[in-house]
Structures are given as C-alpha cells and as structure tokens.
PDB file of N, CA and C in Angstrom:
ATOM      1  N   MET A   1      63.694  21.461  61.949  1.00  0.00           N
ATOM      2  CA  MET A   1      63.977  20.328  61.107  1.00  0.00           C
ATOM      3  C   MET A   1      64.484  20.831  59.763  1.00  0.00           C
ATOM      4  N   GLN A   2      65.597  20.341  59.356  1.00  0.00           N
ATOM      5  CA  GLN A   2      66.188  20.726  58.071  1.00  0.00           C
ATOM      6  C   GLN A   2      65.685  19.791  56.973  1.00  0.00           C
ATOM      7  N   LEU A   3      65.069  20.341  55.951  1.00  0.00           N
ATOM      8  CA  LEU A   3      64.565  19.559  54.833  1.00  0.00           C
ATOM      9  C   LEU A   3      65.644  19.441  53.769  1.00  0.00           C
ATOM     10  N   GLN A   4      65.814  18.229  53.242  1.00  0.00           N
ATOM     11  CA  GLN A   4      66.818  17.999  52.212  1.00  0.00           C
ATOM     12  C   GLN A   4      66.216  17.841  50.826  1.00  0.00           C
ATOM     13  N   PHE A   5      65.000  17.294  50.748  1.00  0.00           N
ATOM     14  CA  PHE A   5      64.418  16.961  49.451  1.00  0.00           C
ATOM     15  C   PHE A   5      63.212  17.817  49.096  1.00  0.00           C
ATOM     16  N   LEU A   6      62.495  18.274  50.088  1.00  0.00           N
ATOM     17  CA  LEU A   6      61.290  19.051  49.842  1.00  0.00           C
ATOM     18  C   LEU A   6      61.603  20.540  49.855  1.00  0.00           C
ATOM     19  N   GLU A   7      61.258  21.219  48.772  1.00  0.00           N
ATOM     20  CA  GLU A   7      61.370  22.674  48.694  1.00  0.00           C
ATOM     21  C   GLU A   7      59.964  23.209  48.483  1.00  0.00           C
ATOM     22  N   PHE A   8      59.474  23.942  49.478  1.00  0.00           N
ATOM     23  CA  PHE A   8      58.100  24.420  49.453  1.00  0.00           C
ATOM     24  C   PHE A   8      58.003  25.809  48.837  1.00  0.00           C
ATOM     25  N   ASP A   9      56.956  25.999  48.020  1.00  0.00           N
ATOM     26  CA  ASP A   9      56.565  27.305  47.496  1.00  0.00           C
ATOM     27  C   ASP A   9      55.251  27.672  48.165  1.00  0.00           C
ATOM     28  N   ARG A  10      55.137  28.940  48.519  1.00  0.00           N
ATOM     29  CA  ARG A  10      53.965  29.420  49.244  1.00  0.00           C
ATOM     30  C   ARG A  10      53.007  30.140  48.306  1.00  0.00           C
ATOM     31  N   SER A  11      51.713  29.906  48.531  1.00  0.00           N
ATOM     32  CA  SER A  11      50.674  30.663  47.844  1.00  0.00           C
ATOM     33  C   SER A  11      49.556  30.936  48.847  1.00  0.00           C
ATOM     34  N   GLU A  12      48.786  31.982  48.587  1.00  0.00           N
ATOM     35  CA  GLU A  12      47.704  32.356  49.492  1.00  0.00           C
ATOM     36  C   GLU A  12      46.485  32.715  48.664  1.00  0.00           C
ATOM     37  N   ASP A  13      45.314  32.232  49.099  1.00  0.00           N
ATOM     38  CA  ASP A  13      44.108  32.561  48.355  1.00  0.00           C
ATOM     39  C   ASP A  13      43.429  33.794  48.950  1.00  0.00           C
ATOM     40  N   ALA A  14      42.342  34.205  48.356  1.00  0.00           N
ATOM     41  CA  ALA A  14      41.641  35.427  48.773  1.00  0.00           C
ATOM     42  C   ALA A  14      41.072  35.323  50.187  1.00  0.00           C
ATOM     43  N   ASP A  15      40.867  34.108  50.676  1.00  0.00           N
ATOM     44  CA  ASP A  15      40.330  33.909  52.022  1.00  0.00           C
ATOM     45  C   ASP A  15      41.430  33.840  53.085  1.00  0.00           C
ATOM     46  N   GLY A  16      42.686  33.994  52.662  1.00  0.00           N
ATOM     47  CA  GLY A  16      43.799  33.957  53.605  1.00  0.00           C
ATOM     48  C   GLY A  16      44.339  32.578  53.901  1.00  0.00           C
ATOM     49  N   VAL A  17      43.854  31.565  53.186  1.00  0.00           N
ATOM     50  CA  VAL A  17      44.374  30.210  53.357  1.00  0.00           C
ATOM     51  C   VAL A  17      45.714  30.114  52.639  1.00  0.00           C
ATOM     52  N   VAL A  18      46.716  29.647  53.378  1.00  0.00           N
ATOM     53  CA  VAL A  18      48.057  29.523  52.818  1.00  0.00           C
ATOM     54  C   VAL A  18      48.307  28.065  52.453  1.00  0.00           C
ATOM     55  N   CYS A  19      48.887  27.857  51.295  1.00  0.00           N
ATOM     56  CA  CYS A  19      49.284  26.520  50.855  1.00  0.00           C
ATOM     57  C   CYS A  19      50.788  26.505  50.632  1.00  0.00           C
ATOM     58  N   TRP A  20      51.404  25.441  51.100  1.00  0.00           N
ATOM     59  CA  TRP A  20      52.818  25.182  50.841  1.00  0.00           C
ATOM     60  C   TRP A  20      52.867  23.980  49.911  1.00  0.00           C
ATOM     61  N   ASP A  21      53.411  24.160  48.707  1.00  0.00           N
ATOM     62  CA  ASP A  21      53.498  23.093  47.711  1.00  0.00           C
ATOM     63  C   ASP A  21      54.947  22.705  47.500  1.00  0.00           C
ATOM     64  N   ALA A  22      55.204  21.399  47.536  1.00  0.00           N
ATOM     65  CA  ALA A  22      56.549  20.889  47.266  1.00  0.00           C
ATOM     66  C   ALA A  22      56.458  19.814  46.189  1.00  0.00           C
ATOM     67  N   LEU A  23      57.369  19.888  45.250  1.00  0.00           N
ATOM     68  CA  LEU A  23      57.511  18.877  44.216  1.00  0.00           C
ATOM     69  C   LEU A  23      58.917  18.313  44.317  1.00  0.00           C
ATOM     70  N   ALA A  24      59.039  17.005  44.158  1.00  0.00           N
ATOM     71  CA  ALA A  24      60.363  16.388  44.207  1.00  0.00           C
ATOM     72  C   ALA A  24      60.396  15.213  43.243  1.00  0.00           C
ATOM     73  N   GLN A  25      61.533  15.051  42.591  1.00  0.00           N
ATOM     74  CA  GLN A  25      61.745  13.931  41.686  1.00  0.00           C
ATOM     75  C   GLN A  25      63.220  13.533  41.781  1.00  0.00           C
ATOM     76  N   PRO A  26      63.586  12.875  42.888  1.00  0.00           N
ATOM     77  CA  PRO A  26      64.995  12.558  43.110  1.00  0.00           C
ATOM     78  C   PRO A  26      65.464  11.369  42.276  1.00  0.00           C
ATOM     79  N   GLU A  27      66.752  11.157  42.275  1.00  0.00           N
ATOM     80  CA  GLU A  27      67.299   9.929  41.700  1.00  0.00           C
ATOM     81  C   GLU A  27      66.710   8.750  42.474  1.00  0.00           C
ATOM     82  N   PRO A  28      66.505   7.606  41.824  1.00  0.00           N
ATOM     83  CA  PRO A  28      65.880   6.466  42.501  1.00  0.00           C
ATOM     84  C   PRO A  28      66.562   6.061  43.817  1.00  0.00           C
ATOM     85  N   ALA A  29      67.837   6.258  43.932  1.00  0.00           N
ATOM     86  CA  ALA A  29      68.540   5.887  45.160  1.00  0.00           C
ATOM     87  C   ALA A  29      68.045   6.685  46.370  1.00  0.00           C
ATOM     88  N   TYR A  30      67.365   7.823  46.136  1.00  0.00           N
ATOM     89  CA  TYR A  30      66.894   8.682  47.218  1.00  0.00           C
ATOM     90  C   TYR A  30      65.387   8.564  47.482  1.00  0.00           C
ATOM     91  N   ASN A  31      64.722   7.630  46.816  1.00  0.00           N
ATOM     92  CA  ASN A  31      63.278   7.477  47.007  1.00  0.00           C
ATOM     93  C   ASN A  31      62.924   7.265  48.479  1.00  0.00           C
ATOM     94  N   GLN A  32      63.606   6.359  49.135  1.00  0.00           N
ATOM     95  CA  GLN A  32      63.289   6.056  50.533  1.00  0.00           C
ATOM     96  C   GLN A  32      63.577   7.250  51.440  1.00  0.00           C
ATOM     97  N   ALA A  33      64.643   7.975  51.159  1.00  0.00           N
ATOM     98  CA  ALA A  33      64.980   9.151  51.973  1.00  0.00           C
ATOM     99  C   ALA A  33      63.911  10.232  51.812  1.00  0.00           C
ATOM    100  N   LEU A  34      63.411  10.423  50.595  1.00  0.00           N
ATOM    101  CA  LEU A  34      62.340  11.394  50.366  1.00  0.00           C
ATOM    102  C   LEU A  34      61.071  10.972  51.105  1.00  0.00           C
ATOM    103  N   LEU A  35      60.707   9.707  51.021  1.00  0.00           N
ATOM    104  CA  LEU A  35      59.522   9.223  51.728  1.00  0.00           C
ATOM    105  C   LEU A  35      59.682   9.385  53.238  1.00  0.00           C
ATOM    106  N   SER A  36      60.867   9.178  53.728  1.00  0.00           N
ATOM    107  CA  SER A  36      61.137   9.366  55.152  1.00  0.00           C
ATOM    108  C   SER A  36      60.952  10.822  55.549  1.00  0.00           C
ATOM    109  N   GLU A  37      61.413  11.734  54.702  1.00  0.00           N
ATOM    110  CA  GLU A  37      61.253  13.156  54.989  1.00  0.00           C
ATOM    111  C   GLU A  37      59.770  13.551  54.980  1.00  0.00           C
ATOM    112  N   VAL A  38      59.009  13.051  54.035  1.00  0.00           N
ATOM    113  CA  VAL A  38      57.573  13.324  53.989  1.00  0.00           C
ATOM    114  C   VAL A  38      56.911  12.782  55.249  1.00  0.00           C
ATOM    115  N   ARG A  39      57.287  11.591  55.651  1.00  0.00           N
ATOM    116  CA  ARG A  39      56.734  10.995  56.863  1.00  0.00           C
ATOM    117  C   ARG A  39      57.006  11.881  58.064  1.00  0.00           C
ATOM    118  N   GLN A  40      58.224  12.399  58.181  1.00  0.00           N
ATOM    119  CA  GLN A  40      58.579  13.265  59.305  1.00  0.00           C
ATOM    120  C   GLN A  40      57.745  14.549  59.305  1.00  0.00           C
ATOM    121  N   VAL A  41      57.514  15.118  58.134  1.00  0.00           N
ATOM    122  CA  VAL A  41      56.690  16.329  58.029  1.00  0.00           C
ATOM    123  C   VAL A  41      55.264  16.018  58.485  1.00  0.00           C
ATOM    124  N   LEU A  42      54.719  14.896  58.044  1.00  0.00           N
ATOM    125  CA  LEU A  42      53.350  14.551  58.412  1.00  0.00           C
ATOM    126  C   LEU A  42      53.232  14.201  59.891  1.00  0.00           C
ATOM    127  N   VAL A  43      54.227  13.539  60.448  1.00  0.00           N
ATOM    128  CA  VAL A  43      54.231  13.265  61.892  1.00  0.00           C
ATOM    129  C   VAL A  43      54.217  14.585  62.654  1.00  0.00           C
ATOM    130  N   TRP A  44      55.061  15.531  62.231  1.00  0.00           N
ATOM    131  CA  TRP A  44      55.089  16.838  62.888  1.00  0.00           C
ATOM    132  C   TRP A  44      53.723  17.524  62.785  1.00  0.00           C
ATOM    133  N   ALA A  45      53.134  17.531  61.577  1.00  0.00           N
ATOM    134  CA  ALA A  45      51.854  18.213  61.366  1.00  0.00           C
ATOM    135  C   ALA A  45      50.763  17.608  62.251  1.00  0.00           C
ATOM    136  N   HIS A  46      50.734  16.295  62.362  1.00  0.00           N
ATOM    137  CA  HIS A  46      49.745  15.660  63.232  1.00  0.00           C
ATOM    138  C   HIS A  46      50.016  15.993  64.697  1.00  0.00           C
ATOM    139  N   GLY A  47      51.272  16.170  65.054  1.00  0.00           N
ATOM    140  CA  GLY A  47      51.605  16.582  66.407  1.00  0.00           C
ATOM    141  C   GLY A  47      51.181  18.013  66.693  1.00  0.00           C
ATOM    142  N   PHE A  48      51.187  18.846  65.669  1.00  0.00           N
ATOM    143  CA  PHE A  48      50.733  20.238  65.821  1.00  0.00           C
ATOM    144  C   PHE A  48      49.251  20.274  66.194  1.00  0.00           C
ATOM    145  N   ASP A  49      48.470  19.464  65.488  1.00  0.00           N
ATOM    146  CA  ASP A  49      47.024  19.444  65.734  1.00  0.00           C
ATOM    147  C   ASP A  49      46.516  18.043  65.406  1.00  0.00           C
ATOM    148  N   ALA A  50      46.309  17.267  66.438  1.00  0.00           N
ATOM    149  CA  ALA A  50      45.881  15.880  66.257  1.00  0.00           C
ATOM    150  C   ALA A  50      44.469  15.771  65.687  1.00  0.00           C
ATOM    151  N   HIS A  51      43.694  16.865  65.676  1.00  0.00           N
ATOM    152  CA  HIS A  51      42.340  16.825  65.126  1.00  0.00           C
ATOM    153  C   HIS A  51      42.346  16.947  63.606  1.00  0.00           C
ATOM    154  N   GLY A  52      43.459  17.341  63.024  1.00  0.00           N
ATOM    155  CA  GLY A  52      43.566  17.441  61.576  1.00  0.00           C
ATOM    156  C   GLY A  52      44.099  16.148  61.029  1.00  0.00           C
ATOM    157  N   PRO A  53      44.251  16.038  59.783  1.00  0.00           N
ATOM    158  CA  PRO A  53      43.896  17.022  58.772  1.00  0.00           C
ATOM    159  C   PRO A  53      42.399  16.979  58.465  1.00  0.00           C
ATOM    160  N   GLY A  54      41.985  17.996  57.771  1.00  0.00           N
ATOM    161  CA  GLY A  54      40.593  18.046  57.362  1.00  0.00           C
ATOM    162  C   GLY A  54      40.325  19.300  56.559  1.00  0.00           C
ATOM    163  N   PRO A  55      39.158  19.373  55.970  1.00  0.00           N
ATOM    164  CA  PRO A  55      38.818  20.546  55.172  1.00  0.00           C
ATOM    165  C   PRO A  55      38.809  21.815  56.035  1.00  0.00           C
ATOM    166  N   LEU A  56      39.524  22.819  55.604  1.00  0.00           N
ATOM    167  CA  LEU A  56      39.602  24.063  56.357  1.00  0.00           C
ATOM    168  C   LEU A  56      38.239  24.750  56.442  1.00  0.00           C
ATOM    169  N   GLU A  57      37.448  24.598  55.390  1.00  0.00           N
ATOM    170  CA  GLU A  57      36.121  25.222  55.396  1.00  0.00           C
ATOM    171  C   GLU A  57      35.187  24.575  56.422  1.00  0.00           C
ATOM    172  N   ASN A  58      35.571  23.411  56.932  1.00  0.00           N
ATOM    173  CA  ASN A  58      34.783  22.739  57.972  1.00  0.00           C
ATOM    174  C   ASN A  58      35.369  22.952  59.362  1.00  0.00           C
ATOM    175  N   GLY A  59      36.363  23.852  59.474  1.00  0.00           N
ATOM    176  CA  GLY A  59      36.904  24.184  60.774  1.00  0.00           C
ATOM    177  C   GLY A  59      38.235  23.546  61.130  1.00  0.00           C
ATOM    178  N   ALA A  60      38.790  22.722  60.248  1.00  0.00           N
ATOM    179  CA  ALA A  60      40.104  22.129  60.528  1.00  0.00           C
ATOM    180  C   ALA A  60      41.176  23.212  60.461  1.00  0.00           C
ATOM    181  N   HIS A  61      42.271  22.993  61.159  1.00  0.00           N
ATOM    182  CA  HIS A  61      43.377  23.958  61.159  1.00  0.00           C
ATOM    183  C   HIS A  61      44.380  23.695  60.043  1.00  0.00           C
ATOM    184  N   TRP A  62      44.371  22.472  59.508  1.00  0.00           N
ATOM    185  CA  TRP A  62      45.321  22.148  58.449  1.00  0.00           C
ATOM    186  C   TRP A  62      44.815  20.949  57.655  1.00  0.00           C
ATOM    187  N   ASP A  63      45.407  20.800  56.466  1.00  0.00           N
ATOM    188  CA  ASP A  63      45.106  19.664  55.604  1.00  0.00           C
ATOM    189  C   ASP A  63      46.338  19.388  54.747  1.00  0.00           C
ATOM    190  N   PHE A  64      46.340  18.242  54.101  1.00  0.00           N
ATOM    191  CA  PHE A  64      47.450  17.927  53.200  1.00  0.00           C
ATOM    192  C   PHE A  64      46.964  17.086  52.040  1.00  0.00           C
ATOM    193  N   ASP A  65      47.749  17.106  50.978  1.00  0.00           N
ATOM    194  CA  ASP A  65      47.515  16.270  49.806  1.00  0.00           C
ATOM    195  C   ASP A  65      48.864  15.706  49.398  1.00  0.00           C
ATOM    196  N   LEU A  66      48.950  14.387  49.275  1.00  0.00           N
ATOM    197  CA  LEU A  66      50.184  13.714  48.884  1.00  0.00           C
ATOM    198  C   LEU A  66      49.900  12.859  47.666  1.00  0.00           C
ATOM    199  N   GLN A  67      50.677  13.094  46.600  1.00  0.00           N
ATOM    200  CA  GLN A  67      50.529  12.317  45.377  1.00  0.00           C
ATOM    201  C   GLN A  67      51.896  11.797  44.954  1.00  0.00           C
ATOM    202  N   ILE A  68      51.914  10.533  44.512  1.00  0.00           N
ATOM    203  CA  ILE A  68      53.159   9.891  44.091  1.00  0.00           C
ATOM    204  C   ILE A  68      52.909   9.159  42.781  1.00  0.00           C
ATOM    205  N   THR A  69      53.852   9.308  41.875  1.00  0.00           N
ATOM    206  CA  THR A  69      53.819   8.594  40.599  1.00  0.00           C
ATOM    207  C   THR A  69      55.182   7.975  40.358  1.00  0.00           C
ATOM    208  N   TRP A  70      55.200   6.727  39.914  1.00  0.00           N
ATOM    209  CA  TRP A  70      56.460   6.081  39.523  1.00  0.00           C
ATOM    210  C   TRP A  70      56.677   6.341  38.048  1.00  0.00           C
ATOM    211  N   ILE A  71      57.865   6.874  37.709  1.00  0.00           N
ATOM    212  CA  ILE A  71      58.237   7.153  36.328  1.00  0.00           C
ATOM    213  C   ILE A  71      59.052   5.969  35.836  1.00  0.00           C
ATOM    214  N   ARG A  72      58.476   5.207  34.918  1.00  0.00           N
ATOM    215  CA  ARG A  72      59.093   3.954  34.482  1.00  0.00           C
ATOM    216  C   ARG A  72      59.598   4.079  33.053  1.00  0.00           C
ATOM    217  N   ASP A  73      60.872   3.809  32.859  1.00  0.00           N
ATOM    218  CA  ASP A  73      61.459   3.886  31.517  1.00  0.00           C
ATOM    219  C   ASP A  73      60.744   2.925  30.570  1.00  0.00           C
ATOM    220  N   GLY A  74      60.281   3.468  29.453  1.00  0.00           N
ATOM    221  CA  GLY A  74      59.643   2.658  28.435  1.00  0.00           C
ATOM    222  C   GLY A  74      58.232   2.220  28.773  1.00  0.00           C
ATOM    223  N   HIS A  75      57.683   2.697  29.878  1.00  0.00           N
ATOM    224  CA  HIS A  75      56.331   2.328  30.294  1.00  0.00           C
ATOM    225  C   HIS A  75      55.576   3.590  30.710  1.00  0.00           C
ATOM    226  N   PRO A  76      54.260   3.527  30.694  1.00  0.00           N
ATOM    227  CA  PRO A  76      53.499   4.679  31.186  1.00  0.00           C
ATOM    228  C   PRO A  76      53.743   4.883  32.683  1.00  0.00           C
ATOM    229  N   PRO A  77      53.649   6.111  33.164  1.00  0.00           N
ATOM    230  CA  PRO A  77      53.797   6.345  34.602  1.00  0.00           C
ATOM    231  C   PRO A  77      52.742   5.560  35.381  1.00  0.00           C
ATOM    232  N   GLN A  78      53.090   5.148  36.587  1.00  0.00           N
ATOM    233  CA  GLN A  78      52.173   4.400  37.433  1.00  0.00           C
ATOM    234  C   GLN A  78      51.855   5.218  38.689  1.00  0.00           C
ATOM    235  N   VAL A  79      50.581   5.495  38.886  1.00  0.00           N
ATOM    236  CA  VAL A  79      50.150   6.245  40.067  1.00  0.00           C
ATOM    237  C   VAL A  79      50.208   5.328  41.276  1.00  0.00           C
ATOM    238  N   ALA A  80      50.825   5.816  42.333  1.00  0.00           N
ATOM    239  CA  ALA A  80      50.891   5.069  43.584  1.00  0.00           C
ATOM    240  C   ALA A  80      49.842   5.614  44.543  1.00  0.00           C
ATOM    241  N   LEU A  81      49.474   4.806  45.493  1.00  0.00           N
ATOM    242  CA  LEU A  81      48.496   5.207  46.497  1.00  0.00           C
ATOM    243  C   LEU A  81      49.187   5.318  47.848  1.00  0.00           C
ATOM    244  N   PRO A  82      49.528   6.554  48.261  1.00  0.00           N
ATOM    245  CA  PRO A  82      50.151   6.723  49.575  1.00  0.00           C
ATOM    246  C   PRO A  82      49.091   6.775  50.669  1.00  0.00           C
ATOM    247  N   ARG A  83      49.448   6.265  51.835  1.00  0.00           N
ATOM    248  CA  ARG A  83      48.550   6.327  52.994  1.00  0.00           C
ATOM    249  C   ARG A  83      49.387   6.563  54.238  1.00  0.00           C
ATOM    250  N   PHE A  84      49.057   7.619  54.961  1.00  0.00           N
ATOM    251  CA  PHE A  84      49.749   7.943  56.202  1.00  0.00           C
ATOM    252  C   PHE A  84      48.862   7.533  57.371  1.00  0.00           C
ATOM    253  N   VAL A  85      49.460   6.810  58.339  1.00  0.00           N
ATOM    254  CA  VAL A  85      48.733   6.350  59.516  1.00  0.00           C
ATOM    255  C   VAL A  85      49.208   7.165  60.712  1.00  0.00           C
ATOM    256  N   PRO A  86      48.416   8.156  61.143  1.00  0.00           N
ATOM    257  CA  PRO A  86      48.854   9.049  62.223  1.00  0.00           C
ATOM    258  C   PRO A  86      49.176   8.329  63.534  1.00  0.00           C
ATOM    259  N   SER A  87      48.420   7.305  63.862  1.00  0.00           N
ATOM    260  CA  SER A  87      48.620   6.639  65.149  1.00  0.00           C
ATOM    261  C   SER A  87      49.973   5.940  65.249  1.00  0.00           C
ATOM    262  N   THR A  88      50.520   5.528  64.117  1.00  0.00           N
ATOM    263  CA  THR A  88      51.819   4.845  64.126  1.00  0.00           C
ATOM    264  C   THR A  88      52.923   5.681  63.489  1.00  0.00           C
ATOM    265  N   GLY A  89      52.547   6.743  62.782  1.00  0.00           N
ATOM    266  CA  GLY A  89      53.534   7.562  62.092  1.00  0.00           C
ATOM    267  C   GLY A  89      54.115   6.873  60.868  1.00  0.00           C
ATOM    268  N   GLN A  90      53.409   5.883  60.343  1.00  0.00           N
ATOM    269  CA  GLN A  90      53.916   5.152  59.188  1.00  0.00           C
ATOM    270  C   GLN A  90      53.307   5.692  57.896  1.00  0.00           C
ATOM    271  N   LEU A  91      54.120   5.680  56.859  1.00  0.00           N
ATOM    272  CA  LEU A  91      53.698   6.071  55.525  1.00  0.00           C
ATOM    273  C   LEU A  91      53.788   4.839  54.638  1.00  0.00           C
ATOM    274  N   TRP A  92      52.651   4.422  54.115  1.00  0.00           N
ATOM    275  CA  TRP A  92      52.588   3.258  53.233  1.00  0.00           C
ATOM    276  C   TRP A  92      52.379   3.734  51.807  1.00  0.00           C
ATOM    277  N   VAL A  93      53.065   3.096  50.877  1.00  0.00           N
ATOM    278  CA  VAL A  93      52.897   3.411  49.459  1.00  0.00           C
ATOM    279  C   VAL A  93      52.619   2.104  48.730  1.00  0.00           C
ATOM    280  N   SER A  94      51.542   2.091  47.948  1.00  0.00           N
ATOM    281  CA  SER A  94      51.190   0.900  47.181  1.00  0.00           C
ATOM    282  C   SER A  94      51.064   1.296  45.716  1.00  0.00           C
ATOM    283  N   PRO A  95      51.767   0.636  44.826  1.00  0.00           N
ATOM    284  CA  PRO A  95      52.666  -0.476  45.094  1.00  0.00           C
ATOM    285  C   PRO A  95      53.945  -0.007  45.792  1.00  0.00           C
ATOM    286  N   ASP A  96      54.673  -0.971  46.341  1.00  0.00           N
ATOM    287  CA  ASP A  96      55.921  -0.663  47.035  1.00  0.00           C
ATOM    288  C   ASP A  96      56.860   0.141  46.153  1.00  0.00           C
ATOM    289  N   PRO A  97      57.633   1.042  46.782  1.00  0.00           N
ATOM    290  CA  PRO A  97      58.577   1.849  46.002  1.00  0.00           C
ATOM    291  C   PRO A  97      59.646   0.979  45.345  1.00  0.00           C
ATOM    292  N   PRO A  98      59.718   0.970  44.022  1.00  0.00           N
ATOM    293  CA  PRO A  98      60.781   0.234  43.359  1.00  0.00           C
ATOM    294  C   PRO A  98      62.119   0.951  43.540  1.00  0.00           C
ATOM    295  N   THR A  99      63.179   0.202  43.629  1.00  0.00           N
ATOM    296  CA  THR A  99      64.496   0.801  43.871  1.00  0.00           C
ATOM    297  C   THR A  99      65.102   1.399  42.610  1.00  0.00           C
ATOM    298  N   HIS A 100      64.627   1.029  41.440  1.00  0.00           N
ATOM    299  CA  HIS A 100      65.254   1.470  40.188  1.00  0.00           C
ATOM    300  C   HIS A 100      64.413   2.478  39.398  1.00  0.00           C
ATOM    301  N   GLU A 101      63.247   2.835  39.900  1.00  0.00           N
ATOM    302  CA  GLU A 101      62.382   3.755  39.174  1.00  0.00           C
ATOM    303  C   GLU A 101      62.328   5.112  39.861  1.00  0.00           C
ATOM    304  N   ARG A 102      62.257   6.143  39.068  1.00  0.00           N
ATOM    305  CA  ARG A 102      62.184   7.502  39.591  1.00  0.00           C
ATOM    306  C   ARG A 102      60.784   7.760  40.146  1.00  0.00           C
ATOM    307  N   MET A 103      60.748   8.495  41.233  1.00  0.00           N
ATOM    308  CA  MET A 103      59.502   8.866  41.865  1.00  0.00           C
ATOM    309  C   MET A 103      59.248  10.354  41.649  1.00  0.00           C
ATOM    310  N   ALA A 104      58.017  10.684  41.268  1.00  0.00           N
ATOM    311  CA  ALA A 104      57.582  12.074  41.229  1.00  0.00           C
ATOM    312  C   ALA A 104      56.604  12.245  42.376  1.00  0.00           C
ATOM    313  N   LEU A 105      56.917  13.162  43.284  1.00  0.00           N
ATOM    314  CA  LEU A 105      56.124  13.328  44.496  1.00  0.00           C
ATOM    315  C   LEU A 105      55.667  14.769  44.614  1.00  0.00           C
ATOM    316  N   SER A 106      54.416  14.933  45.024  1.00  0.00           N
ATOM    317  CA  SER A 106      53.837  16.242  45.265  1.00  0.00           C
ATOM    318  C   SER A 106      53.226  16.227  46.659  1.00  0.00           C
ATOM    319  N   LEU A 107      53.603  17.204  47.494  1.00  0.00           N
ATOM    320  CA  LEU A 107      53.042  17.342  48.835  1.00  0.00           C
ATOM    321  C   LEU A 107      52.554  18.773  49.001  1.00  0.00           C
ATOM    322  N   THR A 108      51.289  18.912  49.359  1.00  0.00           N
ATOM    323  CA  THR A 108      50.710  20.225  49.641  1.00  0.00           C
ATOM    324  C   THR A 108      50.227  20.239  51.082  1.00  0.00           C
ATOM    325  N   LEU A 109      50.659  21.250  51.825  1.00  0.00           N
ATOM    326  CA  LEU A 109      50.161  21.519  53.169  1.00  0.00           C
ATOM    327  C   LEU A 109      49.379  22.817  53.103  1.00  0.00           C
ATOM    328  N   SER A 110      48.211  22.836  53.690  1.00  0.00           N
ATOM    329  CA  SER A 110      47.436  24.074  53.747  1.00  0.00           C
ATOM    330  C   SER A 110      46.944  24.257  55.169  1.00  0.00           C
ATOM    331  N   GLY A 111      46.740  25.519  55.533  1.00  0.00           N
ATOM    332  CA  GLY A 111      46.296  25.719  56.897  1.00  0.00           C
ATOM    333  C   GLY A 111      45.959  27.137  57.269  1.00  0.00           C
ATOM    334  N   THR A 112      45.531  27.262  58.507  1.00  0.00           N
ATOM    335  CA  THR A 112      45.183  28.545  59.104  1.00  0.00           C
ATOM    336  C   THR A 112      46.461  29.288  59.483  1.00  0.00           C
ATOM    337  N   ALA A 113      46.309  30.516  59.928  1.00  0.00           N
ATOM    338  CA  ALA A 113      47.463  31.356  60.263  1.00  0.00           C
ATOM    339  C   ALA A 113      48.358  30.707  61.320  1.00  0.00           C
ATOM    340  N   GLY A 114      47.777  30.102  62.340  1.00  0.00           N
ATOM    341  CA  GLY A 114      48.574  29.462  63.379  1.00  0.00           C
ATOM    342  C   GLY A 114      49.391  28.305  62.845  1.00  0.00           C
ATOM    343  N   PHE A 115      48.793  27.526  61.962  1.00  0.00           N
ATOM    344  CA  PHE A 115      49.520  26.409  61.354  1.00  0.00           C
ATOM    345  C   PHE A 115      50.636  26.932  60.462  1.00  0.00           C
ATOM    346  N   VAL A 116      50.335  27.959  59.689  1.00  0.00           N
ATOM    347  CA  VAL A 116      51.339  28.538  58.784  1.00  0.00           C
ATOM    348  C   VAL A 116      52.542  29.053  59.576  1.00  0.00           C
ATOM    349  N   ASP A 117      52.287  29.762  60.663  1.00  0.00           N
ATOM    350  CA  ASP A 117      53.386  30.264  61.497  1.00  0.00           C
ATOM    351  C   ASP A 117      54.229  29.119  62.037  1.00  0.00           C
ATOM    352  N   ALA A 118      53.566  28.044  62.474  1.00  0.00           N
ATOM    353  CA  ALA A 118      54.287  26.890  63.014  1.00  0.00           C
ATOM    354  C   ALA A 118      55.110  26.191  61.938  1.00  0.00           C
ATOM    355  N   VAL A 119      54.564  26.076  60.730  1.00  0.00           N
ATOM    356  CA  VAL A 119      55.304  25.467  59.608  1.00  0.00           C
ATOM    357  C   VAL A 119      56.555  26.287  59.309  1.00  0.00           C
ATOM    358  N   CYS A 120      56.386  27.600  59.248  1.00  0.00           N
ATOM    359  CA  CYS A 120      57.532  28.486  58.970  1.00  0.00           C
ATOM    360  C   CYS A 120      58.627  28.290  60.004  1.00  0.00           C
ATOM    361  N   GLU A 121      58.236  28.256  61.259  1.00  0.00           N
ATOM    362  CA  GLU A 121      59.223  28.117  62.334  1.00  0.00           C
ATOM    363  C   GLU A 121      59.882  26.741  62.314  1.00  0.00           C
ATOM    364  N   GLN A 122      59.084  25.692  62.138  1.00  0.00           N
ATOM    365  CA  GLN A 122      59.613  24.326  62.190  1.00  0.00           C
ATOM    366  C   GLN A 122      60.555  24.016  61.035  1.00  0.00           C
ATOM    367  N   PHE A 123      60.238  24.496  59.844  1.00  0.00           N
ATOM    368  CA  PHE A 123      61.000  24.124  58.649  1.00  0.00           C
ATOM    369  C   PHE A 123      61.796  25.261  58.043  1.00  0.00           C
ATOM    370  N   GLY A 124      61.848  26.395  58.713  1.00  0.00           N
ATOM    371  CA  GLY A 124      62.666  27.518  58.248  1.00  0.00           C
ATOM    372  C   GLY A 124      62.163  28.113  56.948  1.00  0.00           C
ATOM    373  N   LEU A 125      60.833  28.141  56.763  1.00  0.00           N
ATOM    374  CA  LEU A 125      60.266  28.693  55.537  1.00  0.00           C
ATOM    375  C   LEU A 125      59.899  30.154  55.762  1.00  0.00           C
ATOM    376  N   THR A 126      59.872  30.923  54.668  1.00  0.00           N
ATOM    377  CA  THR A 126      59.492  32.333  54.762  1.00  0.00           C
ATOM    378  C   THR A 126      58.282  32.601  53.908  1.00  0.00           C
TER     379      THR A 126
END
C-alpha cells in the first residue's frame, strides 16, 4: 500500500518495542483523503491481528494511538474524538471534519517484532 499523507518515523525503546509515529497537517481539501488513509492503515492492522490492539505489556502484538485537532483561524484549536470500529472498518470523528479547517493528525503504531516486520513490508518502511 502506497501512503500519500502519512510519513512514519521509527523509534525503539530499551525493551525492543518499536513505534511508528506519523504527523500530518494537510490543506483542508485533503482532510477526507487523510482520514481515508488512516482508516486503511487501521483496517490492515486489525487484519494482521484481530486480537489487537492492546497494551503490549499485557501480551498484545500491536497498539495504536490516534489524535486529531481542528486548527481554526481566529479560534482555539478544537480536539476531535476519533473512533475506529474494527468490525465495520469505519473511522468516526466527532465533531465531523469541517471542510474549511485544517486538521492536525497524529497516528502512532507500536508493536512486537512480527508486527513491525509486517508494517515495513506492507507500507514500504525501513
């Protein structure tokens, strides 16, 4: 899968847990395309291991963190509440994504060695 909006940076902790962090802040016209790409990544991750996500220290193979903020001209930023529904593959954001406001999005994927290898292969990451 070729990613257009998400550029992941890799980090690893002392326990060997790898995290892939992506930050994106596209022009408002691309908000829906970015959300679609995030949805596709999460659908893939759930397909890799349907028992995840979950805390790695509790035995899960992968986990994720998704944060979204609307950047509003002349107003304070507004935190959105994203929710991914694995059974339907839908990504809900509340409040709804405005078409004229910039979105700041952060997606972190973390996982075990097997998950990391699969992420690298699926998304062409090194």
